[in-house]
C-alpha atoms as a PDB file:
ATOM      1  CA  MET A   1       0.109  16.119  18.819  1.00  0.00           C
ATOM      2  CA  ARG A   2       3.524  15.297  17.393  1.00  0.00           C
ATOM      3  CA  TYR A   3       2.407  12.418  15.222  1.00  0.00           C
ATOM      4  CA  ALA A   4      -0.654  11.526  13.268  1.00  0.00           C
ATOM      5  CA  VAL A   5      -1.742   7.937  12.831  1.00  0.00           C
ATOM      6  CA  GLY A   6      -2.620   8.500   9.209  1.00  0.00           C
ATOM      7  CA  LEU A   7      -6.121   9.391   8.244  1.00  0.00           C
ATOM      8  CA  LEU A   8      -5.843   7.499   5.001  1.00  0.00           C
ATOM      9  CA  ALA A   9      -4.861   4.244   6.686  1.00  0.00           C
ATOM     10  CA  LEU A  10      -7.441   4.584   9.414  1.00  0.00           C
ATOM     11  CA  ALA A  11     -10.175   5.359   6.921  1.00  0.00           C
ATOM     12  CA  PHE A  12      -9.173   2.337   4.872  1.00  0.00           C
ATOM     13  CA  ILE A  13      -9.144   0.148   7.984  1.00  0.00           C
ATOM     14  CA  ALA A  14     -12.478   1.476   9.186  1.00  0.00           C
ATOM     15  CA  ALA A  15     -14.036   0.891   5.783  1.00  0.00           C
ATOM     16  CA  SER A  16     -12.704  -2.658   5.807  1.00  0.00           C
ATOM     17  CA  PHE A  17     -14.461  -3.644   9.004  1.00  0.00           C
ATOM     18  CA  ARG A  18     -18.040  -4.811   9.209  1.00  0.00           C
ATOM     19  CA  ALA A  19     -20.066  -5.492  12.307  1.00  0.00           C
ATOM     20  CA  ALA A  20     -20.600  -9.125  13.293  1.00  0.00           C
ATOM     21  CA  GLY A  21     -22.569  -9.065  16.494  1.00  0.00           C
ATOM     22  CA  ALA A  22     -20.519  -7.172  19.048  1.00  0.00           C
ATOM     23  CA  GLN A  23     -17.227  -7.895  17.293  1.00  0.00           C
ATOM     24  CA  ALA A  24     -15.627  -6.222  14.262  1.00  0.00           C
ATOM     25  CA  VAL A  25     -14.438  -8.617  11.579  1.00  0.00           C
ATOM     26  CA  PHE A  26     -12.003  -8.025   8.748  1.00  0.00           C
ATOM     27  CA  ALA A  27     -11.026 -10.530   6.119  1.00  0.00           C
ATOM     28  CA  ASP A  28      -8.806  -9.509   3.243  1.00  0.00           C
ATOM     29  CA  SER A  29      -9.814 -11.713   0.332  1.00  0.00           C
ATOM     30  CA  ILE A  30      -6.797 -10.784  -1.818  1.00  0.00           C
ATOM     31  CA  CYS A  31      -4.148 -11.037   0.892  1.00  0.00           C
ATOM     32  CA  PRO A  32      -5.718 -13.147   3.661  1.00  0.00           C
ATOM     33  CA  GLU A  33      -2.384 -13.466   5.464  1.00  0.00           C
ATOM     34  CA  ALA A  34      -2.520  -9.713   6.175  1.00  0.00           C
ATOM     35  CA  SER A  35      -5.927  -9.814   7.881  1.00  0.00           C
ATOM     36  CA  GLN A  36      -4.672 -10.445  11.406  1.00  0.00           C
ATOM     37  CA  TYR A  37      -2.160  -7.591  11.148  1.00  0.00           C
ATOM     38  CA  VAL A  38      -4.762  -5.143   9.824  1.00  0.00           C
ATOM     39  CA  ILE A  39      -7.056  -6.088  12.717  1.00  0.00           C
ATOM     40  CA  ALA A  40      -4.215  -5.437  15.186  1.00  0.00           C
ATOM     41  CA  ALA A  41      -3.450  -2.074  13.533  1.00  0.00           C
ATOM     42  CA  GLY A  42      -7.125  -1.177  13.739  1.00  0.00           C
ATOM     43  CA  LYS A  43      -6.893  -1.396  17.515  1.00  0.00           C
ATOM     44  CA  ILE A  44      -4.276   1.367  17.669  1.00  0.00           C
ATOM     45  CA  ARG A  45      -5.518   4.547  19.326  1.00  0.00           C
ATOM     46  CA  ARG A  46      -4.381   8.097  18.692  1.00  0.00           C
ATOM     47  CA  ASP A  47      -2.825   8.286  22.160  1.00  0.00           C
ATOM     48  CA  ASP A  48      -0.801   5.071  21.811  1.00  0.00           C
ATOM     49  CA  PRO A  49       2.978   5.501  21.954  1.00  0.00           C
ATOM     50  CA  PRO A  50       4.681   5.920  18.573  1.00  0.00           C
ATOM     51  CA  GLN A  51       6.607   2.662  18.999  1.00  0.00           C
ATOM     52  CA  ARG A  52       3.345   0.715  19.265  1.00  0.00           C
ATOM     53  CA  VAL A  53       1.967   2.489  16.201  1.00  0.00           C
ATOM     54  CA  TYR A  54       5.167   1.758  14.306  1.00  0.00           C
ATOM     55  CA  ASP A  55       5.199  -1.926  15.274  1.00  0.00           C
ATOM     56  CA  ALA A  56       1.585  -2.430  14.183  1.00  0.00           C
ATOM     57  CA  ALA A  57       1.951  -0.499  10.910  1.00  0.00           C
ATOM     58  CA  GLN A  58       5.226  -2.204  10.054  1.00  0.00           C
ATOM     59  CA  ALA A  59       3.699  -5.645  10.628  1.00  0.00           C
ATOM     60  CA  VAL A  60       0.924  -4.802   8.141  1.00  0.00           C
ATOM     61  CA  THR A  61       3.460  -3.425   5.658  1.00  0.00           C
ATOM     62  CA  ASN A  62       5.510  -6.613   5.891  1.00  0.00           C
ATOM     63  CA  ALA A  63       2.439  -8.823   5.405  1.00  0.00           C
ATOM     64  CA  TYR A  64       1.393  -6.944   2.270  1.00  0.00           C
ATOM     65  CA  GLU A  65       4.963  -7.014   0.974  1.00  0.00           C
ATOM     66  CA  ARG A  66       4.963 -10.818   1.237  1.00  0.00           C
ATOM     67  CA  CYS A  67       1.583 -10.916  -0.497  1.00  0.00           C
ATOM     68  CA  SER A  68       2.870  -8.673  -3.294  1.00  0.00           C
ATOM     69  CA  LYS A  69       5.815 -10.970  -3.937  1.00  0.00           C
ATOM     70  CA  SER A  70       3.475 -13.947  -4.063  1.00  0.00           C
ATOM     71  CA  MET A  71       1.142 -12.207  -6.507  1.00  0.00           C
ATOM     72  CA  LEU A  72       4.055 -11.103  -8.690  1.00  0.00           C
ATOM     73  CA  SER A  73       5.491 -14.606  -8.843  1.00  0.00           C
ATOM     74  CA  ASN A  74       2.085 -15.870 -10.010  1.00  0.00           C
ATOM     75  CA  GLY A  75       1.683 -13.074 -12.581  1.00  0.00           C
ATOM     76  CA  PHE A  76      -1.357 -11.485 -10.938  1.00  0.00           C
ATOM     77  CA  ARG A  77      -0.867  -7.770 -11.670  1.00  0.00           C
ATOM     78  CA  GLU A  78      -3.953  -6.165 -10.124  1.00  0.00           C
ATOM     79  CA  PRO A  79      -3.667  -8.131  -6.851  1.00  0.00           C
ATOM     80  CA  GLN A  80       0.018  -7.207  -6.772  1.00  0.00           C
ATOM     81  CA  HIS A  81      -0.929  -3.542  -7.213  1.00  0.00           C
ATOM     82  CA  TYR A  82      -3.417  -3.899  -4.372  1.00  0.00           C
ATOM     83  CA  ALA A  83      -0.768  -5.391  -2.083  1.00  0.00           C
ATOM     84  CA  ASP A  84       1.821  -2.743  -3.036  1.00  0.00           C
ATOM     85  CA  THR A  85      -0.679   0.049  -2.473  1.00  0.00           C
ATOM     86  CA  ARG A  86      -1.675  -1.315   0.939  1.00  0.00           C
ATOM     87  CA  ALA A  87       1.960  -1.847   1.941  1.00  0.00           C
ATOM     88  CA  ALA A  88       2.892   1.702   0.934  1.00  0.00           C
ATOM     89  CA  GLN A  89      -0.142   3.045   2.766  1.00  0.00           C
ATOM     90  CA  PHE A  90       0.894   1.443   6.028  1.00  0.00           C
ATOM     91  CA  ALA A  91       4.531   2.380   5.401  1.00  0.00           C
ATOM     92  CA  VAL A  92       3.409   6.022   5.569  1.00  0.00           C
ATOM     93  CA  VAL A  93       1.828   5.340   8.961  1.00  0.00           C
ATOM     94  CA  ALA A  94       4.998   3.569  10.127  1.00  0.00           C
ATOM     95  CA  ALA A  95       7.145   6.471   8.890  1.00  0.00           C
ATOM     96  CA  ARG A  96       4.990   8.997  10.735  1.00  0.00           C
ATOM     97  CA  ALA A  97       5.530   7.028  13.927  1.00  0.00           C
ATOM     98  CA  LEU A  98       9.275   6.979  13.251  1.00  0.00           C
ATOM     99  CA  ILE A  99       9.202  10.750  12.765  1.00  0.00           C
ATOM    100  CA  ALA A 100       7.439  11.083  16.116  1.00  0.00           C
ATOM    101  CA  MET A 101      10.284   9.079  17.674  1.00  0.00           C
ATOM    102  CA  ASN A 102      12.785  11.393  15.935  1.00  0.00           C
ATOM    103  CA  ARG A 103      14.127   8.504  13.856  1.00  0.00           C
ATOM    104  CA  LEU A 104      14.237  10.638  10.748  1.00  0.00           C
ATOM    105  CA  ASP A 105      16.734   8.539   8.786  1.00  0.00           C
ATOM    106  CA  ASP A 106      14.666   5.396   9.360  1.00  0.00           C
ATOM    107  CA  ALA A 107      11.502   7.235   8.324  1.00  0.00           C
ATOM    108  CA  ARG A 108      13.175   8.561   5.167  1.00  0.00           C
ATOM    109  CA  ARG A 109      14.426   5.063   4.311  1.00  0.00           C
ATOM    110  CA  GLU A 110      10.938   3.587   4.824  1.00  0.00           C
ATOM    111  CA  LEU A 111       9.323   6.191   2.589  1.00  0.00           C
ATOM    112  CA  ASN A 112      12.017   5.970  -0.088  1.00  0.00           C
ATOM    113  CA  THR A 113      11.620   2.196  -0.131  1.00  0.00           C
ATOM    114  CA  TRP A 114       7.862   2.303  -0.754  1.00  0.00           C
ATOM    115  CA  ARG A 115       7.518   5.363  -2.984  1.00  0.00           C
ATOM    116  CA  PRO A 116       8.669   3.528  -6.156  1.00  0.00           C
ATOM    117  CA  TYR A 117       6.158   0.740  -5.565  1.00  0.00           C
ATOM    118  CA  ALA A 118       3.278   3.190  -5.254  1.00  0.00           C
ATOM    119  CA  GLN A 119       4.566   5.210  -8.217  1.00  0.00           C
ATOM    120  CA  GLN A 120       4.756   2.032 -10.288  1.00  0.00           C
ATOM    121  CA  VAL A 121       1.051   1.432  -9.635  1.00  0.00           C
ATOM    122  CA  VAL A 122       0.309   5.024 -10.674  1.00  0.00           C
ATOM    123  CA  ASP A 123       2.296   4.654 -13.914  1.00  0.00           C
ATOM    124  CA  TRP A 124       1.093   1.173 -14.901  1.00  0.00           C
ATOM    125  CA  ARG A 125      -1.120   0.640 -17.958  1.00  0.00           C
ATOM    126  CA  THR A 126      -2.526  -2.576 -19.414  1.00  0.00           C
ATOM    127  CA  GLU A 127      -0.402  -4.015 -22.168  1.00  0.00           C
ATOM    128  CA  THR A 128      -1.124  -4.838 -25.781  1.00  0.00           C
ATOM    129  CA  GLU A 129      -2.363  -8.385 -26.196  1.00  0.00           C
ATOM    130  CA  ALA A 130      -1.272 -10.769 -28.943  1.00  0.00           C
ATOM    131  CA  PHE A 131      -2.927 -14.118 -29.510  1.00  0.00           C
ATOM    132  CA  ALA A 132      -3.077 -16.831 -32.097  1.00  0.00           C
ATOM    133  CA  SER A 133      -6.233 -16.908 -34.134  1.00  0.00           C
ATOM    134  CA  ALA A 134      -7.997 -19.186 -36.533  1.00  0.00           C
ATOM    135  CA  ASP A 135      -6.726 -17.004 -39.362  1.00  0.00           C
ATOM    136  CA  VAL A 136      -6.147 -19.149 -42.488  1.00  0.00           C
ATOM    137  CA  ASN A 137      -2.663 -17.679 -42.808  1.00  0.00           C
ATOM    138  CA  GLY A 138      -1.821 -18.612 -39.207  1.00  0.00           C
ATOM    139  CA  SER A 139      -0.971 -15.004 -38.368  1.00  0.00           C
ATOM    140  CA  ALA A 140      -1.132 -13.741 -34.833  1.00  0.00           C
ATOM    141  CA  VAL A 141      -3.770 -11.135 -34.177  1.00  0.00           C
ATOM    142  CA  THR A 142      -2.815  -8.186 -32.063  1.00  0.00           C
ATOM    143  CA  ASN A 143      -5.380  -6.381 -29.968  1.00  0.00           C
ATOM    144  CA  ALA A 144      -4.182  -2.876 -29.214  1.00  0.00           C
ATOM    145  CA  GLY A 145      -5.950  -3.017 -25.857  1.00  0.00           C
ATOM    146  CA  ASP A 146      -7.403  -0.121 -24.022  1.00  0.00           C
ATOM    147  CA  HIS A 147      -4.338   0.596 -21.853  1.00  0.00           C
ATOM    148  CA  ARG A 148      -6.370   1.106 -18.696  1.00  0.00           C
ATOM    149  CA  GLN A 149      -4.806   2.267 -15.469  1.00  0.00           C
ATOM    150  CA  SER A 150      -4.563   0.019 -12.475  1.00  0.00           C
ATOM    151  CA  ARG A 151      -7.702  -0.160 -10.348  1.00  0.00           C
ATOM    152  CA  TYR A 152      -5.542   1.142  -7.521  1.00  0.00           C
ATOM    153  CA  HIS A 153      -4.196   4.118  -9.481  1.00  0.00           C
ATOM    154  CA  ASP A 154      -6.056   6.808  -7.522  1.00  0.00           C
ATOM    155  CA  SER A 155      -5.201   5.361  -4.109  1.00  0.00           C
ATOM    156  CA  ALA A 156      -1.557   4.918  -5.086  1.00  0.00           C
ATOM    157  CA  LYS A 157      -1.443   8.493  -6.383  1.00  0.00           C
ATOM    158  CA  GLU A 158      -2.684   9.789  -3.012  1.00  0.00           C
ATOM    159  CA  ILE A 159      -0.097   7.667  -1.224  1.00  0.00           C
ATOM    160  CA  VAL A 160       2.715   9.008  -3.428  1.00  0.00           C
ATOM    161  CA  ALA A 161       1.572  12.534  -2.535  1.00  0.00           C
ATOM    162  CA  ALA A 162       1.502  11.632   1.179  1.00  0.00           C
ATOM    163  CA  ILE A 163       5.000  10.168   0.917  1.00  0.00           C
ATOM    164  CA  ASP A 164       6.250  13.346  -0.756  1.00  0.00           C
ATOM    165  CA  VAL A 165       4.718  15.462   2.028  1.00  0.00           C
ATOM    166  CA  GLU A 166       6.377  13.322   4.694  1.00  0.00           C
ATOM    167  CA  LEU A 167       9.755  13.402   2.918  1.00  0.00           C
ATOM    168  CA  ALA A 168       9.558  17.209   2.755  1.00  0.00           C
ATOM    169  CA  ARG A 169       8.645  17.273   6.444  1.00  0.00           C
ATOM    170  CA  ILE A 170      11.665  15.112   7.261  1.00  0.00           C
ATOM    171  CA  ASP A 171      13.892  17.495   5.293  1.00  0.00           C
ATOM    172  CA  VAL A 172      12.591  20.440   7.311  1.00  0.00           C
ATOM    173  CA  LEU A 173      13.007  18.591  10.620  1.00  0.00           C
ATOM    174  CA  SER A 174      16.527  17.482   9.650  1.00  0.00           C
ATOM    175  CA  ARG A 175      17.636  21.080   9.236  1.00  0.00           C
ATOM    176  CA  HIS A 176      16.790  22.005  12.808  1.00  0.00           C
END
């Protein structure tokens, strides 16, 4: 088969669903506006045409991109990382569909757009905290912090690797 729907995305989608009677239900509590698009993407089958796969994956990517911007504007780092990771994940699926349609430049552009977002999640560490205290001298107290990684570090790292694989694949296909 010329294109793969993306095992990572499908596994994430499948894990996100839970049975409710005869119907599968998904509700994204961090980015609720993306829920309907994830449900639509979950209905994609392996034998669907690449354009349909692309349209569904791109809709999810766009929804998570909007969510990321909202989280960033409100200063919510971990939810922003979640949204960026999910957007990059579905961007890989969209790029694979573009590759299947031989739209290599579009696929490369999609991957190059989302790689820095995923890499930023991989590289992120918590920051040092400074706060005012009840110190008699009125000095600020600095807590060195533990500099933890993002909760989405491991997922983002896998997505960066997947993006790199797809970019290398595009380079090989471009030479032919």
